[in-house]
Full PDB file with SEQRES, HELIX, SHEET, SSBOND, CRYST1, ORIGX, SCALE, CONECT and MASTER records, all heavy atoms in Angstrom:
SEQRES   1 A   39  ILE ALA ASN ASP PHE GLY GLN ARG ALA LEU VAL GLY LYS          
SEQRES   2 A   39  VAL CYS MET ASP ARG ASN ASN SER VAL LYS HIS TYR LYS          
SEQRES   3 A   39  GLU THR SER GLN GLU CYS GLN GLU GLU THR CYS ARG PHE          
HELIX    1 AA1 SER A   29  ARG A   38  1                                  10    
CRYST1    1.000    1.000    1.000  90.00  90.00  90.00 P 1           1          
ORIGX1      1.000000  0.000000  0.000000        0.00000                         
ORIGX2      0.000000  1.000000  0.000000        0.00000                         
ORIGX3      0.000000  0.000000  1.000000        0.00000                         
SCALE1      1.000000  0.000000  0.000000        0.00000                         
SCALE2      0.000000  1.000000  0.000000        0.00000                         
SCALE3      0.000000  0.000000  1.000000        0.00000                         
ATOM      1  N   ILE A   1       0.836  -1.171  -0.076  1.00  0.00           N  
ATOM      2  CA  ILE A   1      -0.016  -0.008   0.022  1.00  0.00           C  
ATOM      3  C   ILE A   1       0.895   1.295   0.003  1.00  0.00           C  
ATOM      4  O   ILE A   1       0.556   2.196  -0.728  1.00  0.00           O  
ATOM      5  CB  ILE A   1      -0.903   0.014   1.188  1.00  0.00           C  
ATOM      6  CG1 ILE A   1      -1.989  -1.093   0.974  1.00  0.00           C  
ATOM      7  CG2 ILE A   1      -1.551   1.344   1.428  1.00  0.00           C  
ATOM      8  CD1 ILE A   1      -2.851  -1.396   2.207  1.00  0.00           C  
ATOM      9  N   ALA A   2       1.920   1.357   0.846  1.00  0.00           N  
ATOM     10  CA  ALA A   2       2.802   2.402   0.817  1.00  0.00           C  
ATOM     11  C   ALA A   2       3.488   2.650  -0.502  1.00  0.00           C  
ATOM     12  O   ALA A   2       3.472   3.729  -1.090  1.00  0.00           O  
ATOM     13  CB  ALA A   2       3.909   2.179   1.843  1.00  0.00           C  
ATOM     14  N   ASN A   3       3.813   1.420  -1.303  1.00  0.00           N  
ATOM     15  CA  ASN A   3       4.375   1.641  -2.548  1.00  0.00           C  
ATOM     16  C   ASN A   3       3.291   2.092  -3.514  1.00  0.00           C  
ATOM     17  O   ASN A   3       3.642   2.987  -4.440  1.00  0.00           O  
ATOM     18  CB  ASN A   3       4.801   0.214  -3.006  1.00  0.00           C  
ATOM     19  CG  ASN A   3       5.346   0.244  -4.484  1.00  0.00           C  
ATOM     20  OD1 ASN A   3       6.408   0.767  -4.758  1.00  0.00           O  
ATOM     21  ND2 ASN A   3       4.536  -0.341  -5.402  1.00  0.00           N  
ATOM     22  N   ASP A   4       2.094   1.595  -3.423  1.00  0.00           N  
ATOM     23  CA  ASP A   4       1.121   2.059  -4.436  1.00  0.00           C  
ATOM     24  C   ASP A   4       0.832   3.498  -4.334  1.00  0.00           C  
ATOM     25  O   ASP A   4       0.528   4.172  -5.344  1.00  0.00           O  
ATOM     26  CB  ASP A   4      -0.256   1.276  -4.158  1.00  0.00           C  
ATOM     27  CG  ASP A   4      -0.079  -0.141  -4.663  1.00  0.00           C  
ATOM     28  OD1 ASP A   4       0.862  -0.491  -5.344  1.00  0.00           O  
ATOM     29  OD2 ASP A   4      -0.940  -1.004  -4.251  1.00  0.00           O  
ATOM     30  N   PHE A   5       0.785   4.064  -3.185  1.00  0.00           N  
ATOM     31  CA  PHE A   5       0.488   5.466  -2.987  1.00  0.00           C  
ATOM     32  C   PHE A   5       1.789   6.328  -3.092  1.00  0.00           C  
ATOM     33  O   PHE A   5       1.675   7.631  -3.140  1.00  0.00           O  
ATOM     34  CB  PHE A   5      -0.114   5.778  -1.532  1.00  0.00           C  
ATOM     35  CG  PHE A   5      -1.670   5.370  -1.602  1.00  0.00           C  
ATOM     36  CD1 PHE A   5      -1.991   4.291  -0.866  1.00  0.00           C  
ATOM     37  CD2 PHE A   5      -2.493   6.239  -2.136  1.00  0.00           C  
ATOM     38  CE1 PHE A   5      -3.423   3.915  -0.831  1.00  0.00           C  
ATOM     39  CE2 PHE A   5      -3.858   5.952  -2.134  1.00  0.00           C  
ATOM     40  CZ  PHE A   5      -4.308   4.730  -1.515  1.00  0.00           C  
ATOM     41  N   GLY A   6       2.931   5.674  -3.225  1.00  0.00           N  
ATOM     42  CA  GLY A   6       4.140   6.387  -3.434  1.00  0.00           C  
ATOM     43  C   GLY A   6       4.823   6.973  -2.259  1.00  0.00           C  
ATOM     44  O   GLY A   6       5.683   7.898  -2.284  1.00  0.00           O  
ATOM     45  N   GLN A   7       4.597   6.443  -1.038  1.00  0.00           N  
ATOM     46  CA  GLN A   7       5.260   6.897   0.144  1.00  0.00           C  
ATOM     47  C   GLN A   7       6.568   6.242   0.409  1.00  0.00           C  
ATOM     48  O   GLN A   7       6.666   5.044   0.102  1.00  0.00           O  
ATOM     49  CB  GLN A   7       4.327   6.707   1.391  1.00  0.00           C  
ATOM     50  CG  GLN A   7       4.936   7.404   2.649  1.00  0.00           C  
ATOM     51  CD  GLN A   7       3.864   7.282   3.805  1.00  0.00           C  
ATOM     52  OE1 GLN A   7       3.366   6.139   4.059  1.00  0.00           O  
ATOM     53  NE2 GLN A   7       3.565   8.491   4.377  1.00  0.00           N  
ATOM     54  N   ARG A   8       7.543   6.835   0.779  1.00  0.00           N  
ATOM     55  CA  ARG A   8       8.828   6.209   1.143  1.00  0.00           C  
ATOM     56  C   ARG A   8       8.674   5.659   2.556  1.00  0.00           C  
ATOM     57  O   ARG A   8       8.186   6.369   3.506  1.00  0.00           O  
ATOM     58  CB  ARG A   8       9.921   7.286   1.226  1.00  0.00           C  
ATOM     59  CG  ARG A   8      11.411   6.673   1.313  1.00  0.00           C  
ATOM     60  CD  ARG A   8      12.433   7.790   1.491  1.00  0.00           C  
ATOM     61  NE  ARG A   8      12.271   8.794   0.347  1.00  0.00           N  
ATOM     62  CZ  ARG A   8      12.986   8.562  -0.758  1.00  0.00           C  
ATOM     63  NH1 ARG A   8      13.740   7.598  -0.907  1.00  0.00           N  
ATOM     64  NH2 ARG A   8      12.936   9.589  -1.755  1.00  0.00           N  
ATOM     65  N   ALA A   9       8.952   4.346   2.707  1.00  0.00           N  
ATOM     66  CA  ALA A   9       8.603   3.789   3.926  1.00  0.00           C  
ATOM     67  C   ALA A   9       9.494   2.554   4.418  1.00  0.00           C  
ATOM     68  O   ALA A   9      10.123   1.811   3.528  1.00  0.00           O  
ATOM     69  CB  ALA A   9       7.196   3.151   3.816  1.00  0.00           C  
ATOM     70  N   LEU A  10       9.727   2.540   5.578  1.00  0.00           N  
ATOM     71  CA  LEU A  10      10.374   1.332   6.250  1.00  0.00           C  
ATOM     72  C   LEU A  10       9.210   0.580   6.959  1.00  0.00           C  
ATOM     73  O   LEU A  10       8.521   1.261   7.710  1.00  0.00           O  
ATOM     74  CB  LEU A  10      11.534   1.711   7.271  1.00  0.00           C  
ATOM     75  CG  LEU A  10      12.698   2.396   6.614  1.00  0.00           C  
ATOM     76  CD1 LEU A  10      13.545   3.039   7.796  1.00  0.00           C  
ATOM     77  CD2 LEU A  10      13.522   1.372   5.752  1.00  0.00           C  
ATOM     78  N   VAL A  11       9.088  -0.726   6.706  1.00  0.00           N  
ATOM     79  CA  VAL A  11       7.952  -1.480   7.238  1.00  0.00           C  
ATOM     80  C   VAL A  11       8.462  -2.626   8.146  1.00  0.00           C  
ATOM     81  O   VAL A  11       9.315  -3.361   7.595  1.00  0.00           O  
ATOM     82  CB  VAL A  11       7.072  -1.962   6.176  1.00  0.00           C  
ATOM     83  CG1 VAL A  11       5.926  -2.869   6.648  1.00  0.00           C  
ATOM     84  CG2 VAL A  11       6.410  -0.842   5.315  1.00  0.00           C  
ATOM     85  N   GLY A  12       8.008  -2.802   9.266  1.00  0.00           N  
ATOM     86  CA  GLY A  12       8.447  -3.789  10.171  1.00  0.00           C  
ATOM     87  C   GLY A  12       7.363  -4.716  10.620  1.00  0.00           C  
ATOM     88  O   GLY A  12       6.337  -4.359  11.071  1.00  0.00           O  
ATOM     89  N   LYS A  13       7.535  -6.067  10.325  1.00  0.00           N  
ATOM     90  CA  LYS A  13       6.714  -7.047  11.018  1.00  0.00           C  
ATOM     91  C   LYS A  13       7.224  -7.156  12.423  1.00  0.00           C  
ATOM     92  O   LYS A  13       8.358  -7.408  12.791  1.00  0.00           O  
ATOM     93  CB  LYS A  13       6.906  -8.377  10.308  1.00  0.00           C  
ATOM     94  CG  LYS A  13       6.232  -9.536  10.937  1.00  0.00           C  
ATOM     95  CD  LYS A  13       6.924 -10.853  10.792  1.00  0.00           C  
ATOM     96  CE  LYS A  13       6.422 -11.969  11.768  1.00  0.00           C  
ATOM     97  NZ  LYS A  13       6.504 -11.606  13.198  1.00  0.00           N  
ATOM     98  N   VAL A  14       6.296  -6.992  13.363  1.00  0.00           N  
ATOM     99  CA  VAL A  14       6.587  -7.019  14.806  1.00  0.00           C  
ATOM    100  C   VAL A  14       7.023  -8.380  15.219  1.00  0.00           C  
ATOM    101  O   VAL A  14       6.396  -9.364  14.856  1.00  0.00           O  
ATOM    102  CB  VAL A  14       5.381  -6.413  15.544  1.00  0.00           C  
ATOM    103  CG1 VAL A  14       5.612  -6.664  17.145  1.00  0.00           C  
ATOM    104  CG2 VAL A  14       5.159  -5.010  15.228  1.00  0.00           C  
ATOM    105  N   CYS A  15       8.005  -8.429  16.102  1.00  0.00           N  
ATOM    106  CA  CYS A  15       8.581  -9.616  16.740  1.00  0.00           C  
ATOM    107  C   CYS A  15       8.307  -9.571  18.169  1.00  0.00           C  
ATOM    108  O   CYS A  15       8.888  -8.730  18.862  1.00  0.00           O  
ATOM    109  CB  CYS A  15       9.925  -9.921  16.388  1.00  0.00           C  
ATOM    110  SG  CYS A  15      10.303 -10.067  14.639  1.00  0.00           S  
ATOM    111  N   MET A  16       7.715 -10.605  18.773  1.00  0.00           N  
ATOM    112  CA  MET A  16       7.594 -10.729  20.254  1.00  0.00           C  
ATOM    113  C   MET A  16       7.182 -12.158  20.558  1.00  0.00           C  
ATOM    114  O   MET A  16       6.181 -12.582  20.087  1.00  0.00           O  
ATOM    115  CB  MET A  16       6.731  -9.691  20.920  1.00  0.00           C  
ATOM    116  CG  MET A  16       5.301  -9.653  20.343  1.00  0.00           C  
ATOM    117  SD  MET A  16       4.327  -8.420  21.258  1.00  0.00           S  
ATOM    118  CE  MET A  16       2.778  -8.567  20.500  1.00  0.00           C  
ATOM    119  N   ASP A  17       8.078 -12.741  21.437  1.00  0.00           N  
ATOM    120  CA  ASP A  17       7.788 -14.158  21.817  1.00  0.00           C  
ATOM    121  C   ASP A  17       7.429 -14.294  23.314  1.00  0.00           C  
ATOM    122  O   ASP A  17       7.393 -15.343  23.893  1.00  0.00           O  
ATOM    123  CB  ASP A  17       8.801 -15.092  21.419  1.00  0.00           C  
ATOM    124  CG  ASP A  17      10.167 -14.739  22.023  1.00  0.00           C  
ATOM    125  OD1 ASP A  17      10.228 -13.707  22.591  1.00  0.00           O  
ATOM    126  OD2 ASP A  17      11.073 -15.592  21.851  1.00  0.00           O  
ATOM    127  N   ARG A  18       7.277 -13.094  24.005  1.00  0.00           N  
ATOM    128  CA  ARG A  18       7.150 -13.215  25.531  1.00  0.00           C  
ATOM    129  C   ARG A  18       5.861 -12.401  25.879  1.00  0.00           C  
ATOM    130  O   ARG A  18       5.855 -11.896  27.099  1.00  0.00           O  
ATOM    131  CB  ARG A  18       8.336 -12.700  26.252  1.00  0.00           C  
ATOM    132  CG  ARG A  18       9.488 -13.672  26.159  1.00  0.00           C  
ATOM    133  CD  ARG A  18      10.661 -13.031  26.885  1.00  0.00           C  
ATOM    134  NE  ARG A  18      10.384 -12.636  28.290  1.00  0.00           N  
ATOM    135  CZ  ARG A  18      10.538 -13.491  29.284  1.00  0.00           C  
ATOM    136  NH1 ARG A  18      11.074 -14.666  29.162  1.00  0.00           N  
ATOM    137  NH2 ARG A  18      10.237 -12.946  30.577  1.00  0.00           N  
ATOM    138  N   ASN A  19       4.876 -12.251  25.083  1.00  0.00           N  
ATOM    139  CA  ASN A  19       3.713 -11.545  25.385  1.00  0.00           C  
ATOM    140  C   ASN A  19       2.641 -12.491  26.027  1.00  0.00           C  
ATOM    141  O   ASN A  19       2.066 -13.281  25.261  1.00  0.00           O  
ATOM    142  CB  ASN A  19       3.025 -10.807  24.207  1.00  0.00           C  
ATOM    143  CG  ASN A  19       1.786 -10.100  24.526  1.00  0.00           C  
ATOM    144  OD1 ASN A  19       1.594  -9.736  25.660  1.00  0.00           O  
ATOM    145  ND2 ASN A  19       0.892  -9.939  23.545  1.00  0.00           N  
ATOM    146  N   ASN A  20       2.484 -12.405  27.238  1.00  0.00           N  
ATOM    147  CA  ASN A  20       1.530 -13.421  27.987  1.00  0.00           C  
ATOM    148  C   ASN A  20       0.207 -12.782  28.227  1.00  0.00           C  
ATOM    149  O   ASN A  20      -0.676 -13.441  28.801  1.00  0.00           O  
ATOM    150  CB  ASN A  20       2.271 -14.001  29.290  1.00  0.00           C  
ATOM    151  CG  ASN A  20       3.412 -14.603  29.015  1.00  0.00           C  
ATOM    152  OD1 ASN A  20       3.517 -15.455  28.061  1.00  0.00           O  
ATOM    153  ND2 ASN A  20       4.486 -14.391  29.735  1.00  0.00           N  
ATOM    154  N   SER A  21      -0.033 -11.520  27.910  1.00  0.00           N  
ATOM    155  CA  SER A  21      -1.265 -10.862  28.338  1.00  0.00           C  
ATOM    156  C   SER A  21      -2.365 -11.092  27.328  1.00  0.00           C  
ATOM    157  O   SER A  21      -3.464 -11.135  27.813  1.00  0.00           O  
ATOM    158  CB  SER A  21      -0.980  -9.311  28.381  1.00  0.00           C  
ATOM    159  OG  SER A  21      -0.535  -8.724  27.145  1.00  0.00           O  
ATOM    160  N   VAL A  22      -2.108 -11.269  26.164  1.00  0.00           N  
ATOM    161  CA  VAL A  22      -3.079 -11.675  25.169  1.00  0.00           C  
ATOM    162  C   VAL A  22      -2.581 -12.935  24.435  1.00  0.00           C  
ATOM    163  O   VAL A  22      -1.828 -12.906  23.635  1.00  0.00           O  
ATOM    164  CB  VAL A  22      -3.330 -10.550  24.099  1.00  0.00           C  
ATOM    165  CG1 VAL A  22      -4.425 -10.867  23.091  1.00  0.00           C  
ATOM    166  CG2 VAL A  22      -3.703  -9.190  24.834  1.00  0.00           C  
ATOM    167  N   LYS A  23      -3.173 -14.137  24.770  1.00  0.00           N  
ATOM    168  CA  LYS A  23      -2.736 -15.407  24.500  1.00  0.00           C  
ATOM    169  C   LYS A  23      -2.656 -15.682  23.066  1.00  0.00           C  
ATOM    170  O   LYS A  23      -1.738 -16.309  22.502  1.00  0.00           O  
ATOM    171  CB  LYS A  23      -3.534 -16.424  25.158  1.00  0.00           C  
ATOM    172  CG  LYS A  23      -3.371 -16.512  26.767  1.00  0.00           C  
ATOM    173  CD  LYS A  23      -4.131 -17.602  27.381  1.00  0.00           C  
ATOM    174  CE  LYS A  23      -3.951 -17.627  28.867  1.00  0.00           C  
ATOM    175  NZ  LYS A  23      -4.623 -18.772  29.510  1.00  0.00           N  
ATOM    176  N   HIS A  24      -3.602 -14.996  22.262  1.00  0.00           N  
ATOM    177  CA  HIS A  24      -3.576 -15.335  20.864  1.00  0.00           C  
ATOM    178  C   HIS A  24      -2.778 -14.278  20.001  1.00  0.00           C  
ATOM    179  O   HIS A  24      -2.933 -14.307  18.799  1.00  0.00           O  
ATOM    180  CB  HIS A  24      -4.952 -15.372  20.290  1.00  0.00           C  
ATOM    181  CG  HIS A  24      -5.822 -14.122  20.631  1.00  0.00           C  
ATOM    182  ND1 HIS A  24      -6.370 -13.874  21.908  1.00  0.00           N  
ATOM    183  CD2 HIS A  24      -6.303 -13.168  19.824  1.00  0.00           C  
ATOM    184  CE1 HIS A  24      -7.042 -12.755  21.728  1.00  0.00           C  
ATOM    185  NE2 HIS A  24      -6.939 -12.295  20.637  1.00  0.00           N  
ATOM    186  N   TYR A  25      -2.046 -13.529  20.742  1.00  0.00           N  
ATOM    187  CA  TYR A  25      -1.254 -12.417  20.007  1.00  0.00           C  
ATOM    188  C   TYR A  25       0.211 -12.547  20.435  1.00  0.00           C  
ATOM    189  O   TYR A  25       0.727 -11.693  21.036  1.00  0.00           O  
ATOM    190  CB  TYR A  25      -1.730 -11.076  20.175  1.00  0.00           C  
ATOM    191  CG  TYR A  25      -1.122 -10.026  19.353  1.00  0.00           C  
ATOM    192  CD1 TYR A  25      -1.165 -10.270  17.952  1.00  0.00           C  
ATOM    193  CD2 TYR A  25      -0.583  -8.939  19.889  1.00  0.00           C  
ATOM    194  CE1 TYR A  25      -0.513  -9.155  17.125  1.00  0.00           C  
ATOM    195  CE2 TYR A  25       0.096  -7.993  19.031  1.00  0.00           C  
ATOM    196  CZ  TYR A  25       0.086  -8.211  17.658  1.00  0.00           C  
ATOM    197  OH  TYR A  25       0.766  -7.284  16.946  1.00  0.00           O  
ATOM    198  N   LYS A  26       0.812 -13.691  20.098  1.00  0.00           N  
ATOM    199  CA  LYS A  26       2.260 -13.860  20.196  1.00  0.00           C  
ATOM    200  C   LYS A  26       2.662 -15.003  19.375  1.00  0.00           C  
ATOM    201  O   LYS A  26       1.853 -15.775  18.918  1.00  0.00           O  
ATOM    202  CB  LYS A  26       2.744 -14.087  21.645  1.00  0.00           C  
ATOM    203  CG  LYS A  26       2.240 -15.476  22.233  1.00  0.00           C  
ATOM    204  CD  LYS A  26       2.795 -15.570  23.703  1.00  0.00           C  
ATOM    205  CE  LYS A  26       2.446 -16.801  24.184  1.00  0.00           C  
ATOM    206  NZ  LYS A  26       3.036 -17.132  25.485  1.00  0.00           N  
ATOM    207  N   GLU A  27       3.992 -15.068  19.132  1.00  0.00           N  
ATOM    208  CA  GLU A  27       4.577 -16.177  18.385  1.00  0.00           C  
ATOM    209  C   GLU A  27       5.566 -16.926  19.287  1.00  0.00           C  
ATOM    210  O   GLU A  27       6.078 -16.311  20.126  1.00  0.00           O  
ATOM    211  CB  GLU A  27       5.269 -15.716  17.122  1.00  0.00           C  
ATOM    212  CG  GLU A  27       4.353 -14.865  16.113  1.00  0.00           C  
ATOM    213  CD  GLU A  27       5.173 -14.168  14.979  1.00  0.00           C  
ATOM    214  OE1 GLU A  27       5.957 -13.388  15.342  1.00  0.00           O  
ATOM    215  OE2 GLU A  27       5.052 -14.763  13.873  1.00  0.00           O  
ATOM    216  N   THR A  28       5.918 -18.054  18.841  1.00  0.00           N  
ATOM    217  CA  THR A  28       7.100 -18.761  19.449  1.00  0.00           C  
ATOM    218  C   THR A  28       8.258 -18.250  18.773  1.00  0.00           C  
ATOM    219  O   THR A  28       8.243 -17.518  17.799  1.00  0.00           O  
ATOM    220  CB  THR A  28       7.042 -20.328  19.174  1.00  0.00           C  
ATOM    221  OG1 THR A  28       7.278 -20.519  17.794  1.00  0.00           O  
ATOM    222  CG2 THR A  28       5.728 -20.826  19.733  1.00  0.00           C  
ATOM    223  N   SER A  29       9.611 -18.369  19.400  1.00  0.00           N  
ATOM    224  CA  SER A  29      10.696 -17.949  18.907  1.00  0.00           C  
ATOM    225  C   SER A  29      10.961 -18.436  17.526  1.00  0.00           C  
ATOM    226  O   SER A  29      11.397 -17.682  16.560  1.00  0.00           O  
ATOM    227  CB  SER A  29      11.931 -18.240  19.803  1.00  0.00           C  
ATOM    228  OG  SER A  29      11.729 -17.700  21.072  1.00  0.00           O  
ATOM    229  N   GLN A  30      10.607 -19.770  17.234  1.00  0.00           N  
ATOM    230  CA  GLN A  30      10.882 -20.425  16.015  1.00  0.00           C  
ATOM    231  C   GLN A  30       9.965 -19.754  14.929  1.00  0.00           C  
ATOM    232  O   GLN A  30      10.361 -19.451  13.861  1.00  0.00           O  
ATOM    233  CB  GLN A  30      10.585 -21.841  16.142  1.00  0.00           C  
ATOM    234  CG  GLN A  30      10.952 -22.693  14.813  1.00  0.00           C  
ATOM    235  CD  GLN A  30      12.381 -22.633  14.502  1.00  0.00           C  
ATOM    236  OE1 GLN A  30      13.219 -22.485  15.340  1.00  0.00           O  
ATOM    237  NE2 GLN A  30      12.731 -22.780  13.207  1.00  0.00           N  
ATOM    238  N   GLU A  31       8.598 -19.507  15.343  1.00  0.00           N  
ATOM    239  CA  GLU A  31       7.636 -18.919  14.368  1.00  0.00           C  
ATOM    240  C   GLU A  31       8.208 -17.586  14.023  1.00  0.00           C  
ATOM    241  O   GLU A  31       8.125 -17.089  12.770  1.00  0.00           O  
ATOM    242  CB  GLU A  31       6.359 -18.888  14.948  1.00  0.00           C  
ATOM    243  CG  GLU A  31       5.570 -20.333  15.020  1.00  0.00           C  
ATOM    244  CD  GLU A  31       4.386 -20.057  15.827  1.00  0.00           C  
ATOM    245  OE1 GLU A  31       4.202 -19.247  16.753  1.00  0.00           O  
ATOM    246  OE2 GLU A  31       3.521 -21.031  15.751  1.00  0.00           O  
ATOM    247  N   CYS A  32       8.592 -16.785  14.971  1.00  0.00           N  
ATOM    248  CA  CYS A  32       8.963 -15.366  14.758  1.00  0.00           C  
ATOM    249  C   CYS A  32      10.210 -15.428  13.778  1.00  0.00           C  
ATOM    250  O   CYS A  32      10.239 -14.530  12.895  1.00  0.00           O  
ATOM    251  CB  CYS A  32       9.286 -14.786  16.059  1.00  0.00           C  
ATOM    252  SG  CYS A  32       9.323 -12.973  15.950  1.00  0.00           S  
ATOM    253  N   GLN A  33      11.145 -16.232  14.084  1.00  0.00           N  
ATOM    254  CA  GLN A  33      12.296 -16.253  13.163  1.00  0.00           C  
ATOM    255  C   GLN A  33      11.848 -16.654  11.727  1.00  0.00           C  
ATOM    256  O   GLN A  33      12.389 -15.981  10.821  1.00  0.00           O  
ATOM    257  CB  GLN A  33      13.441 -17.230  13.711  1.00  0.00           C  
ATOM    258  CG  GLN A  33      14.663 -17.269  12.889  1.00  0.00           C  
ATOM    259  CD  GLN A  33      15.591 -18.224  13.341  1.00  0.00           C  
ATOM    260  OE1 GLN A  33      15.347 -19.100  14.233  1.00  0.00           O  
ATOM    261  NE2 GLN A  33      16.882 -18.293  12.937  1.00  0.00           N  
ATOM    262  N   GLU A  34      11.183 -17.670  11.631  1.00  0.00           N  
ATOM    263  CA  GLU A  34      10.809 -18.128  10.299  1.00  0.00           C  
ATOM    264  C   GLU A  34       9.981 -17.027   9.515  1.00  0.00           C  
ATOM    265  O   GLU A  34      10.125 -16.793   8.292  1.00  0.00           O  
ATOM    266  CB  GLU A  34      10.003 -19.404  10.353  1.00  0.00           C  
ATOM    267  CG  GLU A  34      10.932 -20.681  10.825  1.00  0.00           C  
ATOM    268  CD  GLU A  34      10.082 -21.845  11.052  1.00  0.00           C  
ATOM    269  OE1 GLU A  34       8.797 -21.805  10.966  1.00  0.00           O  
ATOM    270  OE2 GLU A  34      10.787 -22.890  11.359  1.00  0.00           O  
ATOM    271  N   GLU A  35       8.941 -16.523  10.190  1.00  0.00           N  
ATOM    272  CA  GLU A  35       8.014 -15.546   9.541  1.00  0.00           C  
ATOM    273  C   GLU A  35       8.867 -14.204   9.251  1.00  0.00           C  
ATOM    274  O   GLU A  35       8.485 -13.623   8.334  1.00  0.00           O  
ATOM    275  CB  GLU A  35       6.851 -15.272  10.461  1.00  0.00           C  
ATOM    276  CG  GLU A  35       5.883 -16.409  10.456  1.00  0.00           C  
ATOM    277  CD  GLU A  35       5.346 -16.755   9.049  1.00  0.00           C  
ATOM    278  OE1 GLU A  35       4.703 -15.941   8.455  1.00  0.00           O  
ATOM    279  OE2 GLU A  35       5.664 -17.895   8.542  1.00  0.00           O  
ATOM    280  N   THR A  36       9.765 -13.844  10.071  1.00  0.00           N  
ATOM    281  CA  THR A  36      10.471 -12.573   9.851  1.00  0.00           C  
ATOM    282  C   THR A  36      11.427 -12.822   8.598  1.00  0.00           C  
ATOM    283  O   THR A  36      11.553 -11.943   7.758  1.00  0.00           O  
ATOM    284  CB  THR A  36      11.380 -12.278  10.985  1.00  0.00           C  
ATOM    285  OG1 THR A  36      10.451 -11.959  12.165  1.00  0.00           O  
ATOM    286  CG2 THR A  36      12.213 -10.945  10.672  1.00  0.00           C  
ATOM    287  N   CYS A  37      12.067 -13.998   8.529  1.00  0.00           N  
ATOM    288  CA  CYS A  37      12.809 -14.323   7.353  1.00  0.00           C  
ATOM    289  C   CYS A  37      11.887 -14.263   6.011  1.00  0.00           C  
ATOM    290  O   CYS A  37      12.324 -13.759   4.964  1.00  0.00           O  
ATOM    291  CB  CYS A  37      13.389 -15.729   7.414  1.00  0.00           C  
ATOM    292  SG  CYS A  37      14.880 -15.777   8.586  1.00  0.00           S  
ATOM    293  N   ARG A  38      10.701 -14.864   6.139  1.00  0.00           N  
ATOM    294  CA  ARG A  38       9.798 -14.820   5.069  1.00  0.00           C  
ATOM    295  C   ARG A  38       9.443 -13.340   4.598  1.00  0.00           C  
ATOM    296  O   ARG A  38       9.305 -12.995   3.501  1.00  0.00           O  
ATOM    297  CB  ARG A  38       8.539 -15.630   5.326  1.00  0.00           C  
ATOM    298  CG  ARG A  38       7.571 -15.671   4.161  1.00  0.00           C  
ATOM    299  CD  ARG A  38       6.534 -16.858   4.263  1.00  0.00           C  
ATOM    300  NE  ARG A  38       5.383 -16.413   5.257  1.00  0.00           N  
ATOM    301  CZ  ARG A  38       4.345 -15.807   4.871  1.00  0.00           C  
ATOM    302  NH1 ARG A  38       4.194 -15.285   3.657  1.00  0.00           N  
ATOM    303  NH2 ARG A  38       3.305 -15.530   5.877  1.00  0.00           N  
ATOM    304  N   PHE A  39       9.211 -12.605   5.691  1.00  0.00           N  
ATOM    305  CA  PHE A  39       8.767 -11.146   5.472  1.00  0.00           C  
ATOM    306  C   PHE A  39       9.826 -10.438   4.811  1.00  0.00           C  
ATOM    307  O   PHE A  39       9.493  -9.742   3.812  1.00  0.00           O  
ATOM    308  CB  PHE A  39       8.340 -10.553   6.797  1.00  0.00           C  
ATOM    309  CG  PHE A  39       8.205  -9.027   6.701  1.00  0.00           C  
ATOM    310  CD1 PHE A  39       7.118  -8.520   6.117  1.00  0.00           C  
ATOM    311  CD2 PHE A  39       9.162  -8.182   7.206  1.00  0.00           C  
ATOM    312  CE1 PHE A  39       6.842  -7.141   6.046  1.00  0.00           C  
ATOM    313  CE2 PHE A  39       9.063  -6.817   7.033  1.00  0.00           C  
ATOM    314  CZ  PHE A  39       7.883  -6.276   6.496  1.00  0.00           C  
TER     315      PHE A  39                                                      
MASTER        0    0    0    1    0    0    0    6  314    1    0    3          
END                                                                             
């Protein structure tokens, strides 16, 4: 979307494997590493 509208952007996929407050919103270390590599 940033590219389509022409904005210069740095985009970050958030990484966190120790968020215990919202159980369905975190990754394991392995998932985070693999998905960040894919991103």
